[in-house]
Protein backbone atom coordinates (compact mmCIF):
# COMPACT_ATOMS: atom_id res chain seq x y z
CA MET A 1 12.13 10.76 -16.32
CA LEU A 2 9.32 10.28 -19.01
CA LEU A 3 11.72 8.86 -22.21
CA SER A 4 13.58 5.77 -21.47
CA PHE A 5 16.33 4.51 -23.47
CA GLU A 6 14.48 2.83 -25.81
CA LEU A 7 11.43 5.21 -26.30
CA ARG A 8 14.52 7.81 -26.86
CA THR A 9 16.08 5.44 -29.23
CA ALA A 10 12.62 5.04 -31.65
CA LEU A 11 11.74 8.88 -31.15
CA ARG A 12 15.75 9.70 -32.70
CA ARG A 13 15.31 6.99 -35.08
CA ASN A 14 12.27 9.01 -36.88
CA ALA A 15 13.48 11.97 -36.59
CA ASP A 16 16.82 10.79 -38.68
CA LEU A 17 14.37 8.82 -40.84
CA SER A 18 12.41 12.27 -41.62
CA ARG A 19 15.55 14.62 -42.66
CA GLN A 20 16.19 11.86 -44.97
CA ARG A 21 12.57 12.19 -46.40
CA GLU A 22 9.40 12.84 -45.53
CA ARG A 23 7.23 9.82 -43.52
CA ASP A 24 4.42 10.48 -41.86
CA HIS A 25 5.41 8.30 -38.45
CA TYR A 26 3.18 6.55 -36.17
CA PRO A 27 3.19 8.11 -32.33
CA VAL A 28 5.76 6.59 -30.66
CA VAL A 29 4.54 7.99 -27.05
CA LYS A 30 1.90 9.45 -25.47
CA PHE A 31 1.83 12.06 -22.51
CA PHE A 32 -0.92 13.21 -20.06
CA THR A 33 -1.27 15.70 -17.19
CA PRO A 34 -3.56 12.75 -14.66
CA ASP A 35 -5.19 16.21 -13.11
CA ALA A 36 -5.98 18.22 -16.52
CA SER A 37 -7.15 17.69 -19.87
CA ALA A 38 -3.63 17.78 -21.68
CA THR A 39 -2.40 14.89 -23.60
CA TRP A 40 0.54 14.73 -26.38
CA LEU A 41 1.59 12.30 -29.34
CA PHE A 42 4.89 12.34 -30.08
CA THR A 43 6.85 10.74 -33.15
CA GLU A 44 10.14 12.40 -33.24
CA LEU A 45 13.36 13.40 -30.91
CA ALA A 46 15.52 15.98 -32.42
CA PRO A 47 19.40 15.48 -31.72
CA ASP A 48 19.48 18.33 -29.07
CA GLY A 49 17.76 15.61 -27.01
CA ASP A 50 14.66 18.00 -25.91
CA THR A 51 12.29 19.28 -29.17
CA LEU A 52 9.54 16.80 -29.64
CA PHE A 53 7.45 16.85 -32.53
CA GLY A 54 3.77 15.60 -32.26
CA LEU A 55 0.43 16.47 -31.83
CA CYS A 56 0.15 18.56 -28.79
CA ASP A 57 -3.20 19.18 -27.03
CA LEU A 58 -3.33 21.64 -24.29
CA GLY A 59 -6.79 20.91 -23.28
CA HIS A 60 -8.51 24.01 -24.89
CA GLY A 61 -10.20 22.94 -28.12
CA THR A 62 -7.36 23.26 -30.35
CA PRO A 63 -5.11 20.74 -31.41
CA GLU A 64 -2.22 21.36 -33.23
CA LEU A 65 0.65 19.58 -34.85
CA GLY A 66 4.53 21.44 -33.57
CA TYR A 67 7.46 21.20 -31.37
CA ALA A 68 7.67 21.33 -27.73
CA SER A 69 10.43 20.74 -24.88
CA LEU A 70 10.85 17.36 -23.17
CA GLY A 71 12.12 19.26 -20.39
CA GLU A 72 9.16 22.06 -20.34
CA ILE A 73 6.42 19.09 -20.31
CA GLN A 74 8.75 16.95 -17.33
CA ALA A 75 8.49 20.15 -15.56
CA LEU A 76 4.77 21.29 -15.83
CA ARG A 77 2.37 20.07 -12.88
CA GLY A 78 -1.47 20.26 -13.17
CA PRO A 79 -3.75 22.13 -11.21
CA ARG A 80 -3.69 19.41 -8.03
CA LEU A 81 0.23 19.91 -8.72
CA LEU A 82 0.92 16.34 -10.56
CA LEU A 83 3.67 15.77 -13.02
CA VAL A 84 2.79 14.32 -16.46
CA GLU A 85 3.29 10.87 -17.22
CA LEU A 86 3.80 8.61 -19.43
CA ASP A 87 0.67 6.00 -20.84
CA ARG A 88 2.17 3.03 -20.57
CA SER A 89 -0.53 1.29 -22.61
CA PHE A 90 -0.66 3.56 -25.70
CA ARG A 91 -0.35 1.64 -28.81
CA ALA A 92 -0.08 3.46 -31.82
CA THR A 93 -2.87 1.99 -34.52
CA LYS A 94 -2.70 4.69 -37.49
CA PRO A 95 0.19 7.55 -38.51
CA LEU A 96 0.20 10.49 -36.90
CA SER A 97 -1.81 12.85 -39.68
CA GLU A 98 -4.58 10.42 -38.78
CA TYR A 99 -4.66 11.00 -35.04
CA ALA A 100 -4.51 14.94 -35.86
CA ILE A 101 -7.58 15.28 -38.43
CA ASP A 102 -9.71 12.73 -35.93
CA ALA A 103 -8.39 15.40 -33.02
CA TRP A 104 -9.44 18.36 -35.04
CA ARG A 105 -12.79 16.75 -35.69
CA HIS A 106 -13.23 16.28 -32.28
CA ARG A 107 -11.53 19.34 -30.53
CA ARG A 108 -9.27 16.75 -28.58
CA ILE A 109 -6.80 14.18 -28.63
CA VAL A 110 -8.92 10.77 -29.17
CA ALA A 111 -6.14 7.69 -28.95
């Protein structure tokens, strides 16, 4: 399981704030594939408990803001069959929009 209760709560809080007014949140979590080039930075979790919003980079040089399924990410396996991992050392230092600008410049998430 990638998300603890505390992380789910923080992601849901951001989603609730975004419904009240538009916000540029700091990413709460970073996921990555240890045996591939995919990286995700997520700021929000929808009420369905599965739909995440954030910056998605599948390692093809085209990172984008969008939605992803937590269930699908948890089921992904890289080329060596390793599962997606939570970067426990990640601490956001800027809002998601700044990570997106850097990612578009570098053609990958720089975090």
